[in-house]
Amino acid sequence: MEDTVDIRINALKKLEPVGKGGEDFKLIATRYFEYIKSIYTAYKKIGEAKTEEERMKGADEMTNIINGQAAVMTNLQSAQAKFAADNGFTINQ
């Protein structure tokens, strides 16, 4: 799954930004997908752990990542709203 997300991240990085604030929006969107990838990476580490200690460390890492979800989503939604407002369109929620 990490590979699938990596493909999307790399494709996003190659896109030329469009509209006012496009570069900032692209950066925030890239960070969002990197966050998603970090979830898969942490989950994979838990599954591949050879000891209970490694598993617990991976679980703690996963918890920390998941605890950051609200901030990541707020960042993305704020960037979407700003990009939409700056470029004269609305977002249906």
C-alpha atoms as a PDB file:
ATOM      1  CA  MET A   1       0.000   0.000   0.000  1.00  0.00           C
ATOM      2  CA  GLU A   2       2.900   2.338   0.690  1.00  0.00           C
ATOM      3  CA  ASP A   3       3.937   1.922  -2.937  1.00  0.00           C
ATOM      4  CA  THR A   4       0.484   2.972  -4.118  1.00  0.00           C
ATOM      5  CA  VAL A   5       0.593   6.107  -1.985  1.00  0.00           C
ATOM      6  CA  ASP A   6       4.154   6.799  -3.163  1.00  0.00           C
ATOM      7  CA  ILE A   7       2.958   6.688  -6.768  1.00  0.00           C
ATOM      8  CA  ARG A   8       0.323   9.311  -5.935  1.00  0.00           C
ATOM      9  CA  ILE A   9       2.816  11.478  -4.055  1.00  0.00           C
ATOM     10  CA  ASN A  10       5.289  11.377  -6.932  1.00  0.00           C
ATOM     11  CA  ALA A  11       2.554  12.158  -9.457  1.00  0.00           C
ATOM     12  CA  LEU A  12       1.390  15.083  -7.330  1.00  0.00           C
ATOM     13  CA  LYS A  13       4.917  16.447  -7.042  1.00  0.00           C
ATOM     14  CA  LYS A  14       5.228  16.438 -10.849  1.00  0.00           C
ATOM     15  CA  LEU A  15       2.046  18.445 -11.389  1.00  0.00           C
ATOM     16  CA  GLU A  16       2.407  22.088 -12.249  1.00  0.00           C
ATOM     17  CA  PRO A  17       0.510  24.204  -9.733  1.00  0.00           C
ATOM     18  CA  VAL A  18      -2.439  26.129 -11.153  1.00  0.00           C
ATOM     19  CA  GLY A  19      -4.311  29.170  -9.948  1.00  0.00           C
ATOM     20  CA  LYS A  20      -3.528  31.619  -7.227  1.00  0.00           C
ATOM     21  CA  GLY A  21      -1.937  29.819  -4.270  1.00  0.00           C
ATOM     22  CA  GLY A  22      -1.545  26.608  -6.255  1.00  0.00           C
ATOM     23  CA  GLU A  23       1.987  25.965  -5.020  1.00  0.00           C
ATOM     24  CA  ASP A  24       0.906  26.238  -1.370  1.00  0.00           C
ATOM     25  CA  PHE A  25      -2.097  23.981  -1.963  1.00  0.00           C
ATOM     26  CA  LYS A  26       0.103  21.427  -3.731  1.00  0.00           C
ATOM     27  CA  LEU A  27       2.518  21.426  -0.779  1.00  0.00           C
ATOM     28  CA  ILE A  28      -0.258  20.859   1.769  1.00  0.00           C
ATOM     29  CA  ALA A  29      -1.823  18.120  -0.379  1.00  0.00           C
ATOM     30  CA  THR A  30       1.558  16.413  -0.664  1.00  0.00           C
ATOM     31  CA  ARG A  31       1.975  16.540   3.110  1.00  0.00           C
ATOM     32  CA  TYR A  32      -1.468  14.987   3.509  1.00  0.00           C
ATOM     33  CA  PHE A  33      -0.536  12.012   1.340  1.00  0.00           C
ATOM     34  CA  GLU A  34       2.784  11.683   3.174  1.00  0.00           C
ATOM     35  CA  TYR A  35       0.762  11.532   6.399  1.00  0.00           C
ATOM     36  CA  ILE A  36      -1.409   8.768   4.927  1.00  0.00           C
ATOM     37  CA  LYS A  37       1.730   6.886   3.919  1.00  0.00           C
ATOM     38  CA  SER A  38       3.102   7.210   7.457  1.00  0.00           C
ATOM     39  CA  ILE A  39       0.020   5.380   8.757  1.00  0.00           C
ATOM     40  CA  TYR A  40       0.660   2.446   6.416  1.00  0.00           C
ATOM     41  CA  THR A  41       4.359   2.441   7.299  1.00  0.00           C
ATOM     42  CA  ALA A  42       3.627   2.340  11.035  1.00  0.00           C
ATOM     43  CA  TYR A  43       1.053  -0.412  10.569  1.00  0.00           C
ATOM     44  CA  LYS A  44       3.534  -2.431   8.529  1.00  0.00           C
ATOM     45  CA  LYS A  45       6.160  -2.063  11.282  1.00  0.00           C
ATOM     46  CA  ILE A  46       3.707  -3.463  13.821  1.00  0.00           C
ATOM     47  CA  GLY A  47       2.978  -6.430  11.585  1.00  0.00           C
ATOM     48  CA  GLU A  48       6.647  -7.116  10.932  1.00  0.00           C
ATOM     49  CA  ALA A  49       7.736  -6.739  14.564  1.00  0.00           C
ATOM     50  CA  LYS A  50       9.664  -9.722  15.831  1.00  0.00           C
ATOM     51  CA  THR A  51       9.255  -9.009  19.532  1.00  0.00           C
ATOM     52  CA  GLU A  52       6.511  -7.730  21.781  1.00  0.00           C
ATOM     53  CA  GLU A  53       8.707  -4.717  22.578  1.00  0.00           C
ATOM     54  CA  GLU A  54       8.977  -3.820  18.863  1.00  0.00           C
ATOM     55  CA  ARG A  55       5.231  -4.311  18.479  1.00  0.00           C
ATOM     56  CA  MET A  56       4.493  -1.986  21.396  1.00  0.00           C
ATOM     57  CA  LYS A  57       6.912   0.618  20.069  1.00  0.00           C
ATOM     58  CA  GLY A  58       5.162   0.418  16.693  1.00  0.00           C
ATOM     59  CA  ALA A  59       1.769   0.707  18.359  1.00  0.00           C
ATOM     60  CA  ASP A  60       2.915   3.820  20.226  1.00  0.00           C
ATOM     61  CA  GLU A  61       4.166   5.305  16.965  1.00  0.00           C
ATOM     62  CA  MET A  62       0.831   4.525  15.311  1.00  0.00           C
ATOM     63  CA  THR A  63      -1.012   6.184  18.201  1.00  0.00           C
ATOM     64  CA  ASN A  64       1.096   9.323  17.842  1.00  0.00           C
ATOM     65  CA  ILE A  65       0.449   9.445  14.109  1.00  0.00           C
ATOM     66  CA  ILE A  66      -3.304   8.965  14.524  1.00  0.00           C
ATOM     67  CA  ASN A  67      -3.388  11.627  17.252  1.00  0.00           C
ATOM     68  CA  GLY A  68      -2.080  14.089  14.665  1.00  0.00           C
ATOM     69  CA  GLN A  69      -4.928  13.393  12.257  1.00  0.00           C
ATOM     70  CA  ALA A  70      -7.098  16.333  13.315  1.00  0.00           C
ATOM     71  CA  ALA A  71      -4.287  18.813  12.662  1.00  0.00           C
ATOM     72  CA  VAL A  72      -3.487  17.273   9.281  1.00  0.00           C
ATOM     73  CA  MET A  73      -7.136  17.374   8.216  1.00  0.00           C
ATOM     74  CA  THR A  74      -7.603  20.941   9.479  1.00  0.00           C
ATOM     75  CA  ASN A  75      -4.531  22.006   7.513  1.00  0.00           C
ATOM     76  CA  LEU A  76      -5.781  20.351   4.335  1.00  0.00           C
ATOM     77  CA  GLN A  77      -9.307  21.734   4.666  1.00  0.00           C
ATOM     78  CA  SER A  78      -7.994  25.233   5.358  1.00  0.00           C
ATOM     79  CA  ALA A  79      -5.743  25.041   2.307  1.00  0.00           C
ATOM     80  CA  GLN A  80      -8.648  23.803   0.175  1.00  0.00           C
ATOM     81  CA  ALA A  81     -10.902  26.602   1.379  1.00  0.00           C
ATOM     82  CA  LYS A  82      -8.248  29.258   0.777  1.00  0.00           C
ATOM     83  CA  PHE A  83      -7.414  27.901  -2.683  1.00  0.00           C
ATOM     84  CA  ALA A  84     -11.107  27.822  -3.597  1.00  0.00           C
ATOM     85  CA  ALA A  85     -11.739  31.343  -2.311  1.00  0.00           C
ATOM     86  CA  ASP A  86      -8.641  32.723  -4.040  1.00  0.00           C
ATOM     87  CA  ASN A  87      -9.700  31.168  -7.326  1.00  0.00           C
ATOM     88  CA  GLY A  88     -13.424  31.896  -7.259  1.00  0.00           C
ATOM     89  CA  PHE A  89     -15.012  28.519  -6.691  1.00  0.00           C
ATOM     90  CA  THR A  90     -16.785  26.774  -3.833  1.00  0.00           C
ATOM     91  CA  ILE A  91     -16.320  23.403  -2.168  1.00  0.00           C
ATOM     92  CA  ASN A  92     -19.387  21.276  -1.425  1.00  0.00           C
ATOM     93  CA  GLN A  93     -19.120  19.576   1.944  1.00  0.00           C
END
